[in-house]
PDBML (XML) file of the C-alpha atoms, coordinates in Angstrom:
<?xml version="1.0" encoding="UTF-8" ?>
<PDBx:datablock datablockName="MODEL"
   xmlns:PDBx="http://pdbml.pdb.org/schema/pdbx-v50.xsd"
   xmlns:xsi="http://www.w3.org/2001/XMLSchema-instance"
   xsi:schemaLocation="http://pdbml.pdb.org/schema/pdbx-v50.xsd pdbx-v50.xsd">
   <PDBx:atom_siteCategory>
      <PDBx:atom_site id="1">
         <PDBx:B_iso_or_equiv>0.00</PDBx:B_iso_or_equiv>
         <PDBx:Cartn_x>-86.913</PDBx:Cartn_x>
         <PDBx:Cartn_y>114.715</PDBx:Cartn_y>
         <PDBx:Cartn_z>62.932</PDBx:Cartn_z>
         <PDBx:auth_asym_id>A</PDBx:auth_asym_id>
         <PDBx:auth_atom_id>CA</PDBx:auth_atom_id>
         <PDBx:auth_comp_id>LEU</PDBx:auth_comp_id>
         <PDBx:auth_seq_id>1</PDBx:auth_seq_id>
         <PDBx:group_PDB>ATOM</PDBx:group_PDB>
         <PDBx:label_alt_id xsi:nil="true" />
         <PDBx:label_asym_id>A</PDBx:label_asym_id>
         <PDBx:label_atom_id>CA</PDBx:label_atom_id>
         <PDBx:label_comp_id>LEU</PDBx:label_comp_id>
         <PDBx:label_entity_id>1</PDBx:label_entity_id>
         <PDBx:label_seq_id>1</PDBx:label_seq_id>
         <PDBx:occupancy>1.00</PDBx:occupancy>
         <PDBx:pdbx_PDB_model_num>1</PDBx:pdbx_PDB_model_num>
         <PDBx:type_symbol>C</PDBx:type_symbol>
      </PDBx:atom_site>
      <PDBx:atom_site id="2">
         <PDBx:B_iso_or_equiv>0.00</PDBx:B_iso_or_equiv>
         <PDBx:Cartn_x>-83.592</PDBx:Cartn_x>
         <PDBx:Cartn_y>114.267</PDBx:Cartn_y>
         <PDBx:Cartn_z>64.737</PDBx:Cartn_z>
         <PDBx:auth_asym_id>A</PDBx:auth_asym_id>
         <PDBx:auth_atom_id>CA</PDBx:auth_atom_id>
         <PDBx:auth_comp_id>THR</PDBx:auth_comp_id>
         <PDBx:auth_seq_id>2</PDBx:auth_seq_id>
         <PDBx:group_PDB>ATOM</PDBx:group_PDB>
         <PDBx:label_alt_id xsi:nil="true" />
         <PDBx:label_asym_id>A</PDBx:label_asym_id>
         <PDBx:label_atom_id>CA</PDBx:label_atom_id>
         <PDBx:label_comp_id>THR</PDBx:label_comp_id>
         <PDBx:label_entity_id>1</PDBx:label_entity_id>
         <PDBx:label_seq_id>2</PDBx:label_seq_id>
         <PDBx:occupancy>1.00</PDBx:occupancy>
         <PDBx:pdbx_PDB_model_num>1</PDBx:pdbx_PDB_model_num>
         <PDBx:type_symbol>C</PDBx:type_symbol>
      </PDBx:atom_site>
      <PDBx:atom_site id="3">
         <PDBx:B_iso_or_equiv>0.00</PDBx:B_iso_or_equiv>
         <PDBx:Cartn_x>-81.868</PDBx:Cartn_x>
         <PDBx:Cartn_y>117.598</PDBx:Cartn_y>
         <PDBx:Cartn_z>64.100</PDBx:Cartn_z>
         <PDBx:auth_asym_id>A</PDBx:auth_asym_id>
         <PDBx:auth_atom_id>CA</PDBx:auth_atom_id>
         <PDBx:auth_comp_id>PHE</PDBx:auth_comp_id>
         <PDBx:auth_seq_id>3</PDBx:auth_seq_id>
         <PDBx:group_PDB>ATOM</PDBx:group_PDB>
         <PDBx:label_alt_id xsi:nil="true" />
         <PDBx:label_asym_id>A</PDBx:label_asym_id>
         <PDBx:label_atom_id>CA</PDBx:label_atom_id>
         <PDBx:label_comp_id>PHE</PDBx:label_comp_id>
         <PDBx:label_entity_id>1</PDBx:label_entity_id>
         <PDBx:label_seq_id>3</PDBx:label_seq_id>
         <PDBx:occupancy>1.00</PDBx:occupancy>
         <PDBx:pdbx_PDB_model_num>1</PDBx:pdbx_PDB_model_num>
         <PDBx:type_symbol>C</PDBx:type_symbol>
      </PDBx:atom_site>
      <PDBx:atom_site id="4">
         <PDBx:B_iso_or_equiv>0.00</PDBx:B_iso_or_equiv>
         <PDBx:Cartn_x>-84.724</PDBx:Cartn_x>
         <PDBx:Cartn_y>119.961</PDBx:Cartn_y>
         <PDBx:Cartn_z>63.262</PDBx:Cartn_z>
         <PDBx:auth_asym_id>A</PDBx:auth_asym_id>
         <PDBx:auth_atom_id>CA</PDBx:auth_atom_id>
         <PDBx:auth_comp_id>GLY</PDBx:auth_comp_id>
         <PDBx:auth_seq_id>4</PDBx:auth_seq_id>
         <PDBx:group_PDB>ATOM</PDBx:group_PDB>
         <PDBx:label_alt_id xsi:nil="true" />
         <PDBx:label_asym_id>A</PDBx:label_asym_id>
         <PDBx:label_atom_id>CA</PDBx:label_atom_id>
         <PDBx:label_comp_id>GLY</PDBx:label_comp_id>
         <PDBx:label_entity_id>1</PDBx:label_entity_id>
         <PDBx:label_seq_id>4</PDBx:label_seq_id>
         <PDBx:occupancy>1.00</PDBx:occupancy>
         <PDBx:pdbx_PDB_model_num>1</PDBx:pdbx_PDB_model_num>
         <PDBx:type_symbol>C</PDBx:type_symbol>
      </PDBx:atom_site>
      <PDBx:atom_site id="5">
         <PDBx:B_iso_or_equiv>0.00</PDBx:B_iso_or_equiv>
         <PDBx:Cartn_x>-86.590</PDBx:Cartn_x>
         <PDBx:Cartn_y>119.875</PDBx:Cartn_y>
         <PDBx:Cartn_z>66.532</PDBx:Cartn_z>
         <PDBx:auth_asym_id>A</PDBx:auth_asym_id>
         <PDBx:auth_atom_id>CA</PDBx:auth_atom_id>
         <PDBx:auth_comp_id>GLY</PDBx:auth_comp_id>
         <PDBx:auth_seq_id>5</PDBx:auth_seq_id>
         <PDBx:group_PDB>ATOM</PDBx:group_PDB>
         <PDBx:label_alt_id xsi:nil="true" />
         <PDBx:label_asym_id>A</PDBx:label_asym_id>
         <PDBx:label_atom_id>CA</PDBx:label_atom_id>
         <PDBx:label_comp_id>GLY</PDBx:label_comp_id>
         <PDBx:label_entity_id>1</PDBx:label_entity_id>
         <PDBx:label_seq_id>5</PDBx:label_seq_id>
         <PDBx:occupancy>1.00</PDBx:occupancy>
         <PDBx:pdbx_PDB_model_num>1</PDBx:pdbx_PDB_model_num>
         <PDBx:type_symbol>C</PDBx:type_symbol>
      </PDBx:atom_site>
      <PDBx:atom_site id="6">
         <PDBx:B_iso_or_equiv>0.00</PDBx:B_iso_or_equiv>
         <PDBx:Cartn_x>-89.788</PDBx:Cartn_x>
         <PDBx:Cartn_y>121.835</PDBx:Cartn_y>
         <PDBx:Cartn_z>67.002</PDBx:Cartn_z>
         <PDBx:auth_asym_id>A</PDBx:auth_asym_id>
         <PDBx:auth_atom_id>CA</PDBx:auth_atom_id>
         <PDBx:auth_comp_id>SER</PDBx:auth_comp_id>
         <PDBx:auth_seq_id>6</PDBx:auth_seq_id>
         <PDBx:group_PDB>ATOM</PDBx:group_PDB>
         <PDBx:label_alt_id xsi:nil="true" />
         <PDBx:label_asym_id>A</PDBx:label_asym_id>
         <PDBx:label_atom_id>CA</PDBx:label_atom_id>
         <PDBx:label_comp_id>SER</PDBx:label_comp_id>
         <PDBx:label_entity_id>1</PDBx:label_entity_id>
         <PDBx:label_seq_id>6</PDBx:label_seq_id>
         <PDBx:occupancy>1.00</PDBx:occupancy>
         <PDBx:pdbx_PDB_model_num>1</PDBx:pdbx_PDB_model_num>
         <PDBx:type_symbol>C</PDBx:type_symbol>
      </PDBx:atom_site>
      <PDBx:atom_site id="7">
         <PDBx:B_iso_or_equiv>0.00</PDBx:B_iso_or_equiv>
         <PDBx:Cartn_x>-88.316</PDBx:Cartn_x>
         <PDBx:Cartn_y>125.084</PDBx:Cartn_y>
         <PDBx:Cartn_z>65.665</PDBx:Cartn_z>
         <PDBx:auth_asym_id>A</PDBx:auth_asym_id>
         <PDBx:auth_atom_id>CA</PDBx:auth_atom_id>
         <PDBx:auth_comp_id>SER</PDBx:auth_comp_id>
         <PDBx:auth_seq_id>7</PDBx:auth_seq_id>
         <PDBx:group_PDB>ATOM</PDBx:group_PDB>
         <PDBx:label_alt_id xsi:nil="true" />
         <PDBx:label_asym_id>A</PDBx:label_asym_id>
         <PDBx:label_atom_id>CA</PDBx:label_atom_id>
         <PDBx:label_comp_id>SER</PDBx:label_comp_id>
         <PDBx:label_entity_id>1</PDBx:label_entity_id>
         <PDBx:label_seq_id>7</PDBx:label_seq_id>
         <PDBx:occupancy>1.00</PDBx:occupancy>
         <PDBx:pdbx_PDB_model_num>1</PDBx:pdbx_PDB_model_num>
         <PDBx:type_symbol>C</PDBx:type_symbol>
      </PDBx:atom_site>
      <PDBx:atom_site id="8">
         <PDBx:B_iso_or_equiv>0.00</PDBx:B_iso_or_equiv>
         <PDBx:Cartn_x>-87.220</PDBx:Cartn_x>
         <PDBx:Cartn_y>123.790</PDBx:Cartn_y>
         <PDBx:Cartn_z>62.242</PDBx:Cartn_z>
         <PDBx:auth_asym_id>A</PDBx:auth_asym_id>
         <PDBx:auth_atom_id>CA</PDBx:auth_atom_id>
         <PDBx:auth_comp_id>MET</PDBx:auth_comp_id>
         <PDBx:auth_seq_id>8</PDBx:auth_seq_id>
         <PDBx:group_PDB>ATOM</PDBx:group_PDB>
         <PDBx:label_alt_id xsi:nil="true" />
         <PDBx:label_asym_id>A</PDBx:label_asym_id>
         <PDBx:label_atom_id>CA</PDBx:label_atom_id>
         <PDBx:label_comp_id>MET</PDBx:label_comp_id>
         <PDBx:label_entity_id>1</PDBx:label_entity_id>
         <PDBx:label_seq_id>8</PDBx:label_seq_id>
         <PDBx:occupancy>1.00</PDBx:occupancy>
         <PDBx:pdbx_PDB_model_num>1</PDBx:pdbx_PDB_model_num>
         <PDBx:type_symbol>C</PDBx:type_symbol>
      </PDBx:atom_site>
      <PDBx:atom_site id="9">
         <PDBx:B_iso_or_equiv>0.00</PDBx:B_iso_or_equiv>
         <PDBx:Cartn_x>-89.763</PDBx:Cartn_x>
         <PDBx:Cartn_y>121.204</PDBx:Cartn_y>
         <PDBx:Cartn_z>61.149</PDBx:Cartn_z>
         <PDBx:auth_asym_id>A</PDBx:auth_asym_id>
         <PDBx:auth_atom_id>CA</PDBx:auth_atom_id>
         <PDBx:auth_comp_id>LYS</PDBx:auth_comp_id>
         <PDBx:auth_seq_id>9</PDBx:auth_seq_id>
         <PDBx:group_PDB>ATOM</PDBx:group_PDB>
         <PDBx:label_alt_id xsi:nil="true" />
         <PDBx:label_asym_id>A</PDBx:label_asym_id>
         <PDBx:label_atom_id>CA</PDBx:label_atom_id>
         <PDBx:label_comp_id>LYS</PDBx:label_comp_id>
         <PDBx:label_entity_id>1</PDBx:label_entity_id>
         <PDBx:label_seq_id>9</PDBx:label_seq_id>
         <PDBx:occupancy>1.00</PDBx:occupancy>
         <PDBx:pdbx_PDB_model_num>1</PDBx:pdbx_PDB_model_num>
         <PDBx:type_symbol>C</PDBx:type_symbol>
      </PDBx:atom_site>
      <PDBx:atom_site id="10">
         <PDBx:B_iso_or_equiv>0.00</PDBx:B_iso_or_equiv>
         <PDBx:Cartn_x>-89.505</PDBx:Cartn_x>
         <PDBx:Cartn_y>120.061</PDBx:Cartn_y>
         <PDBx:Cartn_z>57.552</PDBx:Cartn_z>
         <PDBx:auth_asym_id>A</PDBx:auth_asym_id>
         <PDBx:auth_atom_id>CA</PDBx:auth_atom_id>
         <PDBx:auth_comp_id>THR</PDBx:auth_comp_id>
         <PDBx:auth_seq_id>10</PDBx:auth_seq_id>
         <PDBx:group_PDB>ATOM</PDBx:group_PDB>
         <PDBx:label_alt_id xsi:nil="true" />
         <PDBx:label_asym_id>A</PDBx:label_asym_id>
         <PDBx:label_atom_id>CA</PDBx:label_atom_id>
         <PDBx:label_comp_id>THR</PDBx:label_comp_id>
         <PDBx:label_entity_id>1</PDBx:label_entity_id>
         <PDBx:label_seq_id>10</PDBx:label_seq_id>
         <PDBx:occupancy>1.00</PDBx:occupancy>
         <PDBx:pdbx_PDB_model_num>1</PDBx:pdbx_PDB_model_num>
         <PDBx:type_symbol>C</PDBx:type_symbol>
      </PDBx:atom_site>
      <PDBx:atom_site id="11">
         <PDBx:B_iso_or_equiv>0.00</PDBx:B_iso_or_equiv>
         <PDBx:Cartn_x>-92.544</PDBx:Cartn_x>
         <PDBx:Cartn_y>119.218</PDBx:Cartn_y>
         <PDBx:Cartn_z>55.438</PDBx:Cartn_z>
         <PDBx:auth_asym_id>A</PDBx:auth_asym_id>
         <PDBx:auth_atom_id>CA</PDBx:auth_atom_id>
         <PDBx:auth_comp_id>PHE</PDBx:auth_comp_id>
         <PDBx:auth_seq_id>11</PDBx:auth_seq_id>
         <PDBx:group_PDB>ATOM</PDBx:group_PDB>
         <PDBx:label_alt_id xsi:nil="true" />
         <PDBx:label_asym_id>A</PDBx:label_asym_id>
         <PDBx:label_atom_id>CA</PDBx:label_atom_id>
         <PDBx:label_comp_id>PHE</PDBx:label_comp_id>
         <PDBx:label_entity_id>1</PDBx:label_entity_id>
         <PDBx:label_seq_id>11</PDBx:label_seq_id>
         <PDBx:occupancy>1.00</PDBx:occupancy>
         <PDBx:pdbx_PDB_model_num>1</PDBx:pdbx_PDB_model_num>
         <PDBx:type_symbol>C</PDBx:type_symbol>
      </PDBx:atom_site>
      <PDBx:atom_site id="12">
         <PDBx:B_iso_or_equiv>0.00</PDBx:B_iso_or_equiv>
         <PDBx:Cartn_x>-92.432</PDBx:Cartn_x>
         <PDBx:Cartn_y>115.476</PDBx:Cartn_y>
         <PDBx:Cartn_z>56.097</PDBx:Cartn_z>
         <PDBx:auth_asym_id>A</PDBx:auth_asym_id>
         <PDBx:auth_atom_id>CA</PDBx:auth_atom_id>
         <PDBx:auth_comp_id>ASN</PDBx:auth_comp_id>
         <PDBx:auth_seq_id>12</PDBx:auth_seq_id>
         <PDBx:group_PDB>ATOM</PDBx:group_PDB>
         <PDBx:label_alt_id xsi:nil="true" />
         <PDBx:label_asym_id>A</PDBx:label_asym_id>
         <PDBx:label_atom_id>CA</PDBx:label_atom_id>
         <PDBx:label_comp_id>ASN</PDBx:label_comp_id>
         <PDBx:label_entity_id>1</PDBx:label_entity_id>
         <PDBx:label_seq_id>12</PDBx:label_seq_id>
         <PDBx:occupancy>1.00</PDBx:occupancy>
         <PDBx:pdbx_PDB_model_num>1</PDBx:pdbx_PDB_model_num>
         <PDBx:type_symbol>C</PDBx:type_symbol>
      </PDBx:atom_site>
      <PDBx:atom_site id="13">
         <PDBx:B_iso_or_equiv>0.00</PDBx:B_iso_or_equiv>
         <PDBx:Cartn_x>-92.030</PDBx:Cartn_x>
         <PDBx:Cartn_y>115.929</PDBx:Cartn_y>
         <PDBx:Cartn_z>59.854</PDBx:Cartn_z>
         <PDBx:auth_asym_id>A</PDBx:auth_asym_id>
         <PDBx:auth_atom_id>CA</PDBx:auth_atom_id>
         <PDBx:auth_comp_id>VAL</PDBx:auth_comp_id>
         <PDBx:auth_seq_id>13</PDBx:auth_seq_id>
         <PDBx:group_PDB>ATOM</PDBx:group_PDB>
         <PDBx:label_alt_id xsi:nil="true" />
         <PDBx:label_asym_id>A</PDBx:label_asym_id>
         <PDBx:label_atom_id>CA</PDBx:label_atom_id>
         <PDBx:label_comp_id>VAL</PDBx:label_comp_id>
         <PDBx:label_entity_id>1</PDBx:label_entity_id>
         <PDBx:label_seq_id>13</PDBx:label_seq_id>
         <PDBx:occupancy>1.00</PDBx:occupancy>
         <PDBx:pdbx_PDB_model_num>1</PDBx:pdbx_PDB_model_num>
         <PDBx:type_symbol>C</PDBx:type_symbol>
      </PDBx:atom_site>
      <PDBx:atom_site id="14">
         <PDBx:B_iso_or_equiv>0.00</PDBx:B_iso_or_equiv>
         <PDBx:Cartn_x>-94.888</PDBx:Cartn_x>
         <PDBx:Cartn_y>118.409</PDBx:Cartn_y>
         <PDBx:Cartn_z>59.944</PDBx:Cartn_z>
         <PDBx:auth_asym_id>A</PDBx:auth_asym_id>
         <PDBx:auth_atom_id>CA</PDBx:auth_atom_id>
         <PDBx:auth_comp_id>GLY</PDBx:auth_comp_id>
         <PDBx:auth_seq_id>14</PDBx:auth_seq_id>
         <PDBx:group_PDB>ATOM</PDBx:group_PDB>
         <PDBx:label_alt_id xsi:nil="true" />
         <PDBx:label_asym_id>A</PDBx:label_asym_id>
         <PDBx:label_atom_id>CA</PDBx:label_atom_id>
         <PDBx:label_comp_id>GLY</PDBx:label_comp_id>
         <PDBx:label_entity_id>1</PDBx:label_entity_id>
         <PDBx:label_seq_id>14</PDBx:label_seq_id>
         <PDBx:occupancy>1.00</PDBx:occupancy>
         <PDBx:pdbx_PDB_model_num>1</PDBx:pdbx_PDB_model_num>
         <PDBx:type_symbol>C</PDBx:type_symbol>
      </PDBx:atom_site>
      <PDBx:atom_site id="15">
         <PDBx:B_iso_or_equiv>0.00</PDBx:B_iso_or_equiv>
         <PDBx:Cartn_x>-97.114</PDBx:Cartn_x>
         <PDBx:Cartn_y>116.107</PDBx:Cartn_y>
         <PDBx:Cartn_z>57.911</PDBx:Cartn_z>
         <PDBx:auth_asym_id>A</PDBx:auth_asym_id>
         <PDBx:auth_atom_id>CA</PDBx:auth_atom_id>
         <PDBx:auth_comp_id>LEU</PDBx:auth_comp_id>
         <PDBx:auth_seq_id>15</PDBx:auth_seq_id>
         <PDBx:group_PDB>ATOM</PDBx:group_PDB>
         <PDBx:label_alt_id xsi:nil="true" />
         <PDBx:label_asym_id>A</PDBx:label_asym_id>
         <PDBx:label_atom_id>CA</PDBx:label_atom_id>
         <PDBx:label_comp_id>LEU</PDBx:label_comp_id>
         <PDBx:label_entity_id>1</PDBx:label_entity_id>
         <PDBx:label_seq_id>15</PDBx:label_seq_id>
         <PDBx:occupancy>1.00</PDBx:occupancy>
         <PDBx:pdbx_PDB_model_num>1</PDBx:pdbx_PDB_model_num>
         <PDBx:type_symbol>C</PDBx:type_symbol>
      </PDBx:atom_site>
      <PDBx:atom_site id="16">
         <PDBx:B_iso_or_equiv>0.00</PDBx:B_iso_or_equiv>
         <PDBx:Cartn_x>-96.518</PDBx:Cartn_x>
         <PDBx:Cartn_y>113.164</PDBx:Cartn_y>
         <PDBx:Cartn_z>60.241</PDBx:Cartn_z>
         <PDBx:auth_asym_id>A</PDBx:auth_asym_id>
         <PDBx:auth_atom_id>CA</PDBx:auth_atom_id>
         <PDBx:auth_comp_id>VAL</PDBx:auth_comp_id>
         <PDBx:auth_seq_id>16</PDBx:auth_seq_id>
         <PDBx:group_PDB>ATOM</PDBx:group_PDB>
         <PDBx:label_alt_id xsi:nil="true" />
         <PDBx:label_asym_id>A</PDBx:label_asym_id>
         <PDBx:label_atom_id>CA</PDBx:label_atom_id>
         <PDBx:label_comp_id>VAL</PDBx:label_comp_id>
         <PDBx:label_entity_id>1</PDBx:label_entity_id>
         <PDBx:label_seq_id>16</PDBx:label_seq_id>
         <PDBx:occupancy>1.00</PDBx:occupancy>
         <PDBx:pdbx_PDB_model_num>1</PDBx:pdbx_PDB_model_num>
         <PDBx:type_symbol>C</PDBx:type_symbol>
      </PDBx:atom_site>
      <PDBx:atom_site id="17">
         <PDBx:B_iso_or_equiv>0.00</PDBx:B_iso_or_equiv>
         <PDBx:Cartn_x>-97.096</PDBx:Cartn_x>
         <PDBx:Cartn_y>115.354</PDBx:Cartn_y>
         <PDBx:Cartn_z>63.301</PDBx:Cartn_z>
         <PDBx:auth_asym_id>A</PDBx:auth_asym_id>
         <PDBx:auth_atom_id>CA</PDBx:auth_atom_id>
         <PDBx:auth_comp_id>ASP</PDBx:auth_comp_id>
         <PDBx:auth_seq_id>17</PDBx:auth_seq_id>
         <PDBx:group_PDB>ATOM</PDBx:group_PDB>
         <PDBx:label_alt_id xsi:nil="true" />
         <PDBx:label_asym_id>A</PDBx:label_asym_id>
         <PDBx:label_atom_id>CA</PDBx:label_atom_id>
         <PDBx:label_comp_id>ASP</PDBx:label_comp_id>
         <PDBx:label_entity_id>1</PDBx:label_entity_id>
         <PDBx:label_seq_id>17</PDBx:label_seq_id>
         <PDBx:occupancy>1.00</PDBx:occupancy>
         <PDBx:pdbx_PDB_model_num>1</PDBx:pdbx_PDB_model_num>
         <PDBx:type_symbol>C</PDBx:type_symbol>
      </PDBx:atom_site>
      <PDBx:atom_site id="18">
         <PDBx:B_iso_or_equiv>0.00</PDBx:B_iso_or_equiv>
         <PDBx:Cartn_x>-100.380</PDBx:Cartn_x>
         <PDBx:Cartn_y>116.551</PDBx:Cartn_y>
         <PDBx:Cartn_z>61.831</PDBx:Cartn_z>
         <PDBx:auth_asym_id>A</PDBx:auth_asym_id>
         <PDBx:auth_atom_id>CA</PDBx:auth_atom_id>
         <PDBx:auth_comp_id>MET</PDBx:auth_comp_id>
         <PDBx:auth_seq_id>18</PDBx:auth_seq_id>
         <PDBx:group_PDB>ATOM</PDBx:group_PDB>
         <PDBx:label_alt_id xsi:nil="true" />
         <PDBx:label_asym_id>A</PDBx:label_asym_id>
         <PDBx:label_atom_id>CA</PDBx:label_atom_id>
         <PDBx:label_comp_id>MET</PDBx:label_comp_id>
         <PDBx:label_entity_id>1</PDBx:label_entity_id>
         <PDBx:label_seq_id>18</PDBx:label_seq_id>
         <PDBx:occupancy>1.00</PDBx:occupancy>
         <PDBx:pdbx_PDB_model_num>1</PDBx:pdbx_PDB_model_num>
         <PDBx:type_symbol>C</PDBx:type_symbol>
      </PDBx:atom_site>
      <PDBx:atom_site id="19">
         <PDBx:B_iso_or_equiv>0.00</PDBx:B_iso_or_equiv>
         <PDBx:Cartn_x>-101.497</PDBx:Cartn_x>
         <PDBx:Cartn_y>112.990</PDBx:Cartn_y>
         <PDBx:Cartn_z>61.136</PDBx:Cartn_z>
         <PDBx:auth_asym_id>A</PDBx:auth_asym_id>
         <PDBx:auth_atom_id>CA</PDBx:auth_atom_id>
         <PDBx:auth_comp_id>LEU</PDBx:auth_comp_id>
         <PDBx:auth_seq_id>19</PDBx:auth_seq_id>
         <PDBx:group_PDB>ATOM</PDBx:group_PDB>
         <PDBx:label_alt_id xsi:nil="true" />
         <PDBx:label_asym_id>A</PDBx:label_asym_id>
         <PDBx:label_atom_id>CA</PDBx:label_atom_id>
         <PDBx:label_comp_id>LEU</PDBx:label_comp_id>
         <PDBx:label_entity_id>1</PDBx:label_entity_id>
         <PDBx:label_seq_id>19</PDBx:label_seq_id>
         <PDBx:occupancy>1.00</PDBx:occupancy>
         <PDBx:pdbx_PDB_model_num>1</PDBx:pdbx_PDB_model_num>
         <PDBx:type_symbol>C</PDBx:type_symbol>
      </PDBx:atom_site>
      <PDBx:atom_site id="20">
         <PDBx:B_iso_or_equiv>0.00</PDBx:B_iso_or_equiv>
         <PDBx:Cartn_x>-100.543</PDBx:Cartn_x>
         <PDBx:Cartn_y>111.731</PDBx:Cartn_y>
         <PDBx:Cartn_z>64.576</PDBx:Cartn_z>
         <PDBx:auth_asym_id>A</PDBx:auth_asym_id>
         <PDBx:auth_atom_id>CA</PDBx:auth_atom_id>
         <PDBx:auth_comp_id>SER</PDBx:auth_comp_id>
         <PDBx:auth_seq_id>20</PDBx:auth_seq_id>
         <PDBx:group_PDB>ATOM</PDBx:group_PDB>
         <PDBx:label_alt_id xsi:nil="true" />
         <PDBx:label_asym_id>A</PDBx:label_asym_id>
         <PDBx:label_atom_id>CA</PDBx:label_atom_id>
         <PDBx:label_comp_id>SER</PDBx:label_comp_id>
         <PDBx:label_entity_id>1</PDBx:label_entity_id>
         <PDBx:label_seq_id>20</PDBx:label_seq_id>
         <PDBx:occupancy>1.00</PDBx:occupancy>
         <PDBx:pdbx_PDB_model_num>1</PDBx:pdbx_PDB_model_num>
         <PDBx:type_symbol>C</PDBx:type_symbol>
      </PDBx:atom_site>
      <PDBx:atom_site id="21">
         <PDBx:B_iso_or_equiv>0.00</PDBx:B_iso_or_equiv>
         <PDBx:Cartn_x>-102.394</PDBx:Cartn_x>
         <PDBx:Cartn_y>114.525</PDBx:Cartn_y>
         <PDBx:Cartn_z>66.362</PDBx:Cartn_z>
         <PDBx:auth_asym_id>A</PDBx:auth_asym_id>
         <PDBx:auth_atom_id>CA</PDBx:auth_atom_id>
         <PDBx:auth_comp_id>ALA</PDBx:auth_comp_id>
         <PDBx:auth_seq_id>21</PDBx:auth_seq_id>
         <PDBx:group_PDB>ATOM</PDBx:group_PDB>
         <PDBx:label_alt_id xsi:nil="true" />
         <PDBx:label_asym_id>A</PDBx:label_asym_id>
         <PDBx:label_atom_id>CA</PDBx:label_atom_id>
         <PDBx:label_comp_id>ALA</PDBx:label_comp_id>
         <PDBx:label_entity_id>1</PDBx:label_entity_id>
         <PDBx:label_seq_id>21</PDBx:label_seq_id>
         <PDBx:occupancy>1.00</PDBx:occupancy>
         <PDBx:pdbx_PDB_model_num>1</PDBx:pdbx_PDB_model_num>
         <PDBx:type_symbol>C</PDBx:type_symbol>
      </PDBx:atom_site>
      <PDBx:atom_site id="22">
         <PDBx:B_iso_or_equiv>0.00</PDBx:B_iso_or_equiv>
         <PDBx:Cartn_x>-105.588</PDBx:Cartn_x>
         <PDBx:Cartn_y>112.459</PDBx:Cartn_y>
         <PDBx:Cartn_z>66.373</PDBx:Cartn_z>
         <PDBx:auth_asym_id>A</PDBx:auth_asym_id>
         <PDBx:auth_atom_id>CA</PDBx:auth_atom_id>
         <PDBx:auth_comp_id>ASP</PDBx:auth_comp_id>
         <PDBx:auth_seq_id>22</PDBx:auth_seq_id>
         <PDBx:group_PDB>ATOM</PDBx:group_PDB>
         <PDBx:label_alt_id xsi:nil="true" />
         <PDBx:label_asym_id>A</PDBx:label_asym_id>
         <PDBx:label_atom_id>CA</PDBx:label_atom_id>
         <PDBx:label_comp_id>ASP</PDBx:label_comp_id>
         <PDBx:label_entity_id>1</PDBx:label_entity_id>
         <PDBx:label_seq_id>22</PDBx:label_seq_id>
         <PDBx:occupancy>1.00</PDBx:occupancy>
         <PDBx:pdbx_PDB_model_num>1</PDBx:pdbx_PDB_model_num>
         <PDBx:type_symbol>C</PDBx:type_symbol>
      </PDBx:atom_site>
      <PDBx:atom_site id="23">
         <PDBx:B_iso_or_equiv>0.00</PDBx:B_iso_or_equiv>
         <PDBx:Cartn_x>-106.168</PDBx:Cartn_x>
         <PDBx:Cartn_y>108.840</PDBx:Cartn_y>
         <PDBx:Cartn_z>67.280</PDBx:Cartn_z>
         <PDBx:auth_asym_id>A</PDBx:auth_asym_id>
         <PDBx:auth_atom_id>CA</PDBx:auth_atom_id>
         <PDBx:auth_comp_id>THR</PDBx:auth_comp_id>
         <PDBx:auth_seq_id>23</PDBx:auth_seq_id>
         <PDBx:group_PDB>ATOM</PDBx:group_PDB>
         <PDBx:label_alt_id xsi:nil="true" />
         <PDBx:label_asym_id>A</PDBx:label_asym_id>
         <PDBx:label_atom_id>CA</PDBx:label_atom_id>
         <PDBx:label_comp_id>THR</PDBx:label_comp_id>
         <PDBx:label_entity_id>1</PDBx:label_entity_id>
         <PDBx:label_seq_id>23</PDBx:label_seq_id>
         <PDBx:occupancy>1.00</PDBx:occupancy>
         <PDBx:pdbx_PDB_model_num>1</PDBx:pdbx_PDB_model_num>
         <PDBx:type_symbol>C</PDBx:type_symbol>
      </PDBx:atom_site>
      <PDBx:atom_site id="24">
         <PDBx:B_iso_or_equiv>0.00</PDBx:B_iso_or_equiv>
         <PDBx:Cartn_x>-107.576</PDBx:Cartn_x>
         <PDBx:Cartn_y>108.099</PDBx:Cartn_y>
         <PDBx:Cartn_z>63.815</PDBx:Cartn_z>
         <PDBx:auth_asym_id>A</PDBx:auth_asym_id>
         <PDBx:auth_atom_id>CA</PDBx:auth_atom_id>
         <PDBx:auth_comp_id>THR</PDBx:auth_comp_id>
         <PDBx:auth_seq_id>24</PDBx:auth_seq_id>
         <PDBx:group_PDB>ATOM</PDBx:group_PDB>
         <PDBx:label_alt_id xsi:nil="true" />
         <PDBx:label_asym_id>A</PDBx:label_asym_id>
         <PDBx:label_atom_id>CA</PDBx:label_atom_id>
         <PDBx:label_comp_id>THR</PDBx:label_comp_id>
         <PDBx:label_entity_id>1</PDBx:label_entity_id>
         <PDBx:label_seq_id>24</PDBx:label_seq_id>
         <PDBx:occupancy>1.00</PDBx:occupancy>
         <PDBx:pdbx_PDB_model_num>1</PDBx:pdbx_PDB_model_num>
         <PDBx:type_symbol>C</PDBx:type_symbol>
      </PDBx:atom_site>
   </PDBx:atom_siteCategory>
</PDBx:datablock>
């Protein structure tokens, strides 16, 4: 999350971003 940024998302960062896209 700290060093990857939006251009180098790892699996865990992408999964959390996908989950937090909605309010539920």
